């Protein structure tokens, strides 16, 4: 996949599932061309480079086309809370009263399309099919945010970690479906800041999942997953 290939990662909420769901909304060649014309491709080649900071003026909306990014807030205690990992096809740039609400850093080398915020409304009005896809993406992300709230508030650390691994396995650039091998683009420190624990607890949690036989650690960032068993362990829908 080319680094500047424009995709929007979302699954429509109102359509019945028929087998394996496609993770990206269909975009026509014309729609991709219009998004390229309106935006500007920018690459961040060095991991941990900041794309924008919390409190900065929200002049742009971003669409990630390659790599992985992380959104985080620094709490008054000085601790960092990661609020989201962004994957290819995700939209970055949540704002409030004209300012970004979180900082976003490139976790790996990344490419984004940058769209001017002050022209976004008119652009979407002029391109209603693209506007609909942005709407579906917003609903998709809201649904995932609600799921994250349940996960953080109701699940044990081991189940939060298992749910996180299941989520990572949905990304074809990092999960080899044939071999069931997941290559994590983030460190255990990043994972800890996301699921609300310490890196030591993440390490112990991975050991617990391995003793259960539902993962196998090939290296610190390479895991063999039994995704069906991980999902059954999490059982997010079953309480």
Protein backbone atom coordinates (compact mmCIF):
# COMPACT_ATOMS: atom_id res chain seq x y z
CA UNK A 1 0.00 0.00 0.00
CA UNK A 2 1.45 3.39 -1.01
CA UNK A 3 2.11 5.71 1.97
CA UNK A 4 -0.25 8.34 0.52
CA UNK A 5 -3.08 5.93 -0.33
CA UNK A 6 -6.24 7.59 0.96
CA UNK A 7 -8.51 5.26 2.93
CA UNK A 8 -11.12 5.81 5.66
CA UNK A 9 -11.21 3.12 8.34
CA UNK A 10 -14.77 2.47 9.50
CA UNK A 11 -17.50 -0.15 9.57
CA UNK A 12 -21.06 1.16 9.01
CA UNK A 13 -23.24 0.66 12.06
CA UNK A 14 -26.56 0.00 10.33
CA UNK A 15 -25.62 -2.67 7.81
CA UNK A 16 -25.85 -6.38 8.68
CA UNK A 17 -22.61 -8.33 8.88
CA UNK A 18 -22.02 -10.83 6.08
CA UNK A 19 -18.92 -12.81 6.98
CA UNK A 20 -15.67 -10.89 7.44
CA UNK A 21 -16.25 -7.14 7.43
CA UNK A 22 -14.12 -4.86 5.26
CA UNK A 23 -12.24 -2.43 7.50
CA UNK A 24 -12.31 0.47 5.03
CA UNK A 25 -15.13 2.41 3.43
CA UNK A 26 -15.15 2.31 -0.38
CA UNK A 27 -13.77 5.49 -1.96
CA UNK A 28 -14.03 6.07 -5.69
CA UNK A 29 -11.08 7.27 -7.74
CA UNK A 30 -12.81 10.66 -8.09
CA UNK A 31 -13.33 10.94 -4.32
CA UNK A 32 -9.67 10.15 -3.68
CA UNK A 33 -8.63 12.71 -6.28
CA UNK A 34 -10.80 15.41 -4.66
CA UNK A 35 -9.34 14.67 -1.21
CA UNK A 36 -5.81 14.85 -2.64
CA UNK A 37 -6.62 18.17 -4.33
CA UNK A 38 -8.06 19.64 -1.13
CA UNK A 39 -5.32 18.31 1.16
CA UNK A 40 -1.55 18.12 1.39
CA UNK A 41 0.48 14.96 2.03
CA UNK A 42 3.04 15.35 4.83
CA UNK A 43 5.47 12.72 6.13
CA UNK A 44 6.88 12.41 9.65
CA UNK A 45 9.89 10.14 9.27
CA UNK A 46 11.11 10.13 12.88
CA UNK A 47 9.12 8.26 15.56
CA UNK A 48 7.85 10.42 18.45
CA UNK A 49 7.73 13.52 16.22
CA UNK A 50 4.78 15.68 17.28
CA UNK A 51 2.10 16.21 14.63
CA UNK A 52 0.27 18.76 16.78
CA UNK A 53 0.03 19.63 20.46
CA UNK A 54 -2.82 20.02 22.92
CA UNK A 55 -3.89 23.65 23.03
CA UNK A 56 -2.48 24.48 19.59
CA UNK A 57 -4.80 26.35 17.23
CA UNK A 58 -6.76 23.74 15.30
CA UNK A 59 -6.02 24.94 11.79
CA UNK A 60 -6.08 21.48 10.20
CA UNK A 61 -7.82 18.11 10.17
CA UNK A 62 -5.61 15.12 9.39
CA UNK A 63 -6.18 11.76 7.72
CA UNK A 64 -3.52 9.16 8.54
CA UNK A 65 -2.58 7.13 5.46
CA UNK A 66 0.50 5.25 6.68
CA UNK A 67 2.01 4.35 10.05
CA UNK A 68 0.63 4.58 13.58
CA UNK A 69 0.17 7.67 15.78
CA UNK A 70 -0.82 8.18 19.42
CA UNK A 71 -3.04 10.83 21.02
CA UNK A 72 -2.37 11.66 24.67
CA UNK A 73 -2.97 14.10 27.49
CA UNK A 74 -0.45 14.99 30.19
CA UNK A 75 -2.26 15.03 33.53
CA UNK A 76 -1.61 17.46 36.38
CA UNK A 77 0.39 14.73 38.12
CA UNK A 78 2.74 14.67 35.13
CA UNK A 79 1.53 11.23 34.09
CA UNK A 80 0.64 10.61 30.46
CA UNK A 81 -2.69 9.07 29.45
CA UNK A 82 -2.90 7.80 25.88
CA UNK A 83 -6.47 8.29 24.73
CA UNK A 84 -6.17 6.71 21.27
CA UNK A 85 -3.89 4.95 18.85
CA UNK A 86 -4.46 6.03 15.26
CA UNK A 87 -4.06 3.57 12.39
CA UNK A 88 -4.15 4.06 8.58
CA UNK A 89 -7.56 5.40 7.63
CA UNK A 90 -8.13 7.26 10.92
CA UNK A 91 -8.94 10.97 11.23
CA UNK A 92 -6.94 13.11 13.65
CA UNK A 93 -7.57 16.59 15.00
CA UNK A 94 -10.35 16.58 17.60
CA UNK A 95 -10.79 20.20 18.68
CA UNK A 96 -12.75 22.29 21.18
CA UNK A 97 -13.24 26.04 20.88
CA UNK A 98 -10.65 26.21 18.12
CA UNK A 99 -7.88 24.29 19.91
CA UNK A 100 -6.73 20.68 19.78
CA UNK A 101 -7.80 18.75 22.88
CA UNK A 102 -4.92 16.24 22.79
CA UNK A 103 -1.35 16.04 21.57
CA UNK A 104 -0.66 13.60 18.73
CA UNK A 105 2.77 12.12 18.01
CA UNK A 106 3.94 9.83 15.24
CA UNK A 107 4.53 6.49 16.93
CA UNK A 108 6.19 5.12 13.78
CA UNK A 109 7.15 6.89 10.54
CA UNK A 110 3.81 8.32 9.35
CA UNK A 111 2.21 9.98 6.36
CA UNK A 112 -0.88 12.16 6.76
CA UNK A 113 -3.10 14.24 4.52
CA UNK A 114 -3.63 17.67 6.06
CA UNK A 115 -6.91 19.46 5.29
CA UNK A 116 -7.55 23.15 6.17
CA UNK A 117 -10.20 23.29 8.87
CA UNK A 118 -11.63 26.60 7.69
CA UNK A 119 -12.52 25.08 4.31
CA UNK A 120 -13.67 21.69 5.51
CA UNK A 121 -17.37 22.54 5.90
CA UNK A 122 -17.71 23.92 2.37
CA UNK A 123 -15.69 21.04 0.93
CA UNK A 124 -17.98 18.44 2.52
CA UNK A 125 -21.13 20.32 1.42
CA UNK A 126 -19.80 20.31 -2.14
CA UNK A 127 -18.96 16.59 -1.95
CA UNK A 128 -21.90 14.89 -0.19
CA UNK A 129 -20.68 11.33 -0.78
CA UNK A 130 -17.40 12.15 0.99
CA UNK A 131 -19.37 13.96 3.71
CA UNK A 132 -21.39 10.77 4.28
CA UNK A 133 -18.20 8.72 4.69
CA UNK A 134 -16.83 11.23 7.22
CA UNK A 135 -20.14 10.93 9.10
CA UNK A 136 -19.93 7.13 9.12
CA UNK A 137 -16.34 7.43 10.38
CA UNK A 138 -17.46 9.75 13.22
CA UNK A 139 -20.14 7.24 14.29
CA UNK A 140 -17.61 4.40 14.10
CA UNK A 141 -15.19 6.29 16.36
CA UNK A 142 -17.94 7.23 18.82
CA UNK A 143 -18.94 3.58 19.09
CA UNK A 144 -15.32 2.61 19.75
CA UNK A 145 -14.97 5.36 22.38
CA UNK A 146 -18.00 4.02 24.25
CA UNK A 147 -16.54 0.52 24.09
CA UNK A 148 -13.27 1.88 25.48
CA UNK A 149 -15.13 3.44 28.42
CA UNK A 150 -16.68 0.07 29.27
CA UNK A 151 -13.34 -1.68 28.91
CA UNK A 152 -11.52 0.78 31.18
CA UNK A 153 -14.26 0.90 33.79
CA UNK A 154 -15.36 -2.72 34.02
CA UNK A 155 -12.59 -5.07 32.90
CA UNK A 156 -9.58 -6.38 34.79
CA UNK A 157 -6.13 -5.35 33.59
CA UNK A 158 -5.61 -8.77 31.98
CA UNK A 159 -8.87 -8.43 30.05
CA UNK A 160 -8.04 -4.84 29.04
CA UNK A 161 -4.74 -6.11 27.68
CA UNK A 162 -6.42 -8.99 25.85
CA UNK A 163 -9.00 -6.61 24.33
CA UNK A 164 -6.19 -4.33 23.21
CA UNK A 165 -4.42 -7.21 21.43
CA UNK A 166 -7.68 -8.19 19.72
CA UNK A 167 -8.08 -4.60 18.51
CA UNK A 168 -4.51 -4.57 17.16
CA UNK A 169 -5.17 -7.80 15.25
CA UNK A 170 -7.73 -5.95 13.11
CA UNK A 171 -4.94 -4.04 11.30
CA UNK A 172 -3.59 -5.92 8.31
CA UNK A 173 -0.34 -3.95 8.16
CA UNK A 174 0.63 -5.33 11.58
CA UNK A 175 -1.17 -8.67 11.83
CA UNK A 176 -0.29 -11.64 9.64
CA UNK A 177 -3.67 -13.39 9.48
CA UNK A 178 -2.31 -16.59 7.95
CA UNK A 179 0.28 -17.07 10.71
CA UNK A 180 -1.69 -15.26 13.46
CA UNK A 181 1.41 -13.14 14.18
CA UNK A 182 0.98 -9.62 15.58
CA UNK A 183 3.86 -7.13 15.35
CA UNK A 184 3.22 -4.36 17.86
CA UNK A 185 4.22 -0.85 16.72
CA UNK A 186 4.13 0.43 20.31
CA UNK A 187 6.13 -0.35 23.45
CA UNK A 188 4.83 -1.83 26.71
CA UNK A 189 5.12 1.69 28.16
CA UNK A 190 2.73 2.99 25.48
CA UNK A 191 0.33 0.11 26.13
CA UNK A 192 0.44 0.82 29.87
CA UNK A 193 -0.38 4.50 29.29
CA UNK A 194 -3.34 3.42 27.15
CA UNK A 195 -4.94 0.78 29.39
CA UNK A 196 -4.23 2.69 32.61
CA UNK A 197 -1.54 0.68 34.36
CA UNK A 198 2.25 0.35 34.60
CA UNK A 199 4.69 -1.24 32.16
CA UNK A 200 5.51 -3.88 34.79
CA UNK A 201 1.85 -4.87 35.00
CA UNK A 202 1.69 -5.10 31.20
CA UNK A 203 4.66 -7.48 31.25
CA UNK A 204 3.05 -9.61 33.96
CA UNK A 205 -0.26 -9.51 32.08
CA UNK A 206 1.37 -10.82 28.91
CA UNK A 207 2.91 -13.61 30.99
CA UNK A 208 -0.52 -14.45 32.40
CA UNK A 209 -2.07 -14.62 28.91
CA UNK A 210 0.83 -16.79 27.75
CA UNK A 211 0.37 -19.20 30.66
CA UNK A 212 -3.31 -19.42 29.66
CA UNK A 213 -2.14 -20.53 26.22
CA UNK A 214 -3.88 -17.75 24.28
CA UNK A 215 -0.74 -15.87 23.22
CA UNK A 216 2.87 -16.85 22.64
CA UNK A 217 5.63 -14.24 22.86
CA UNK A 218 8.13 -14.63 20.00
CA UNK A 219 9.90 -11.37 20.93
CA UNK A 220 9.00 -8.34 23.09
CA UNK A 221 6.90 -6.88 20.24
CA UNK A 222 6.01 -10.01 18.25
CA UNK A 223 3.17 -12.21 19.49
CA UNK A 224 1.38 -15.25 18.18
CA UNK A 225 -2.30 -14.85 19.01
CA UNK A 226 -5.24 -17.19 19.38
CA UNK A 227 -7.71 -14.46 18.55
CA UNK A 228 -10.86 -16.53 19.11
CA UNK A 229 -9.64 -17.50 22.58
CA UNK A 230 -8.69 -13.88 23.35
CA UNK A 231 -12.17 -12.70 22.37
CA UNK A 232 -13.78 -15.40 24.51
CA UNK A 233 -11.59 -14.38 27.47
CA UNK A 234 -12.55 -10.72 27.13
CA UNK A 235 -16.28 -11.46 26.55
CA UNK A 236 -17.03 -7.75 26.35
CA UNK A 237 -20.61 -8.30 25.25
CA UNK A 238 -21.33 -10.85 27.93
CA UNK A 239 -20.58 -8.66 30.95
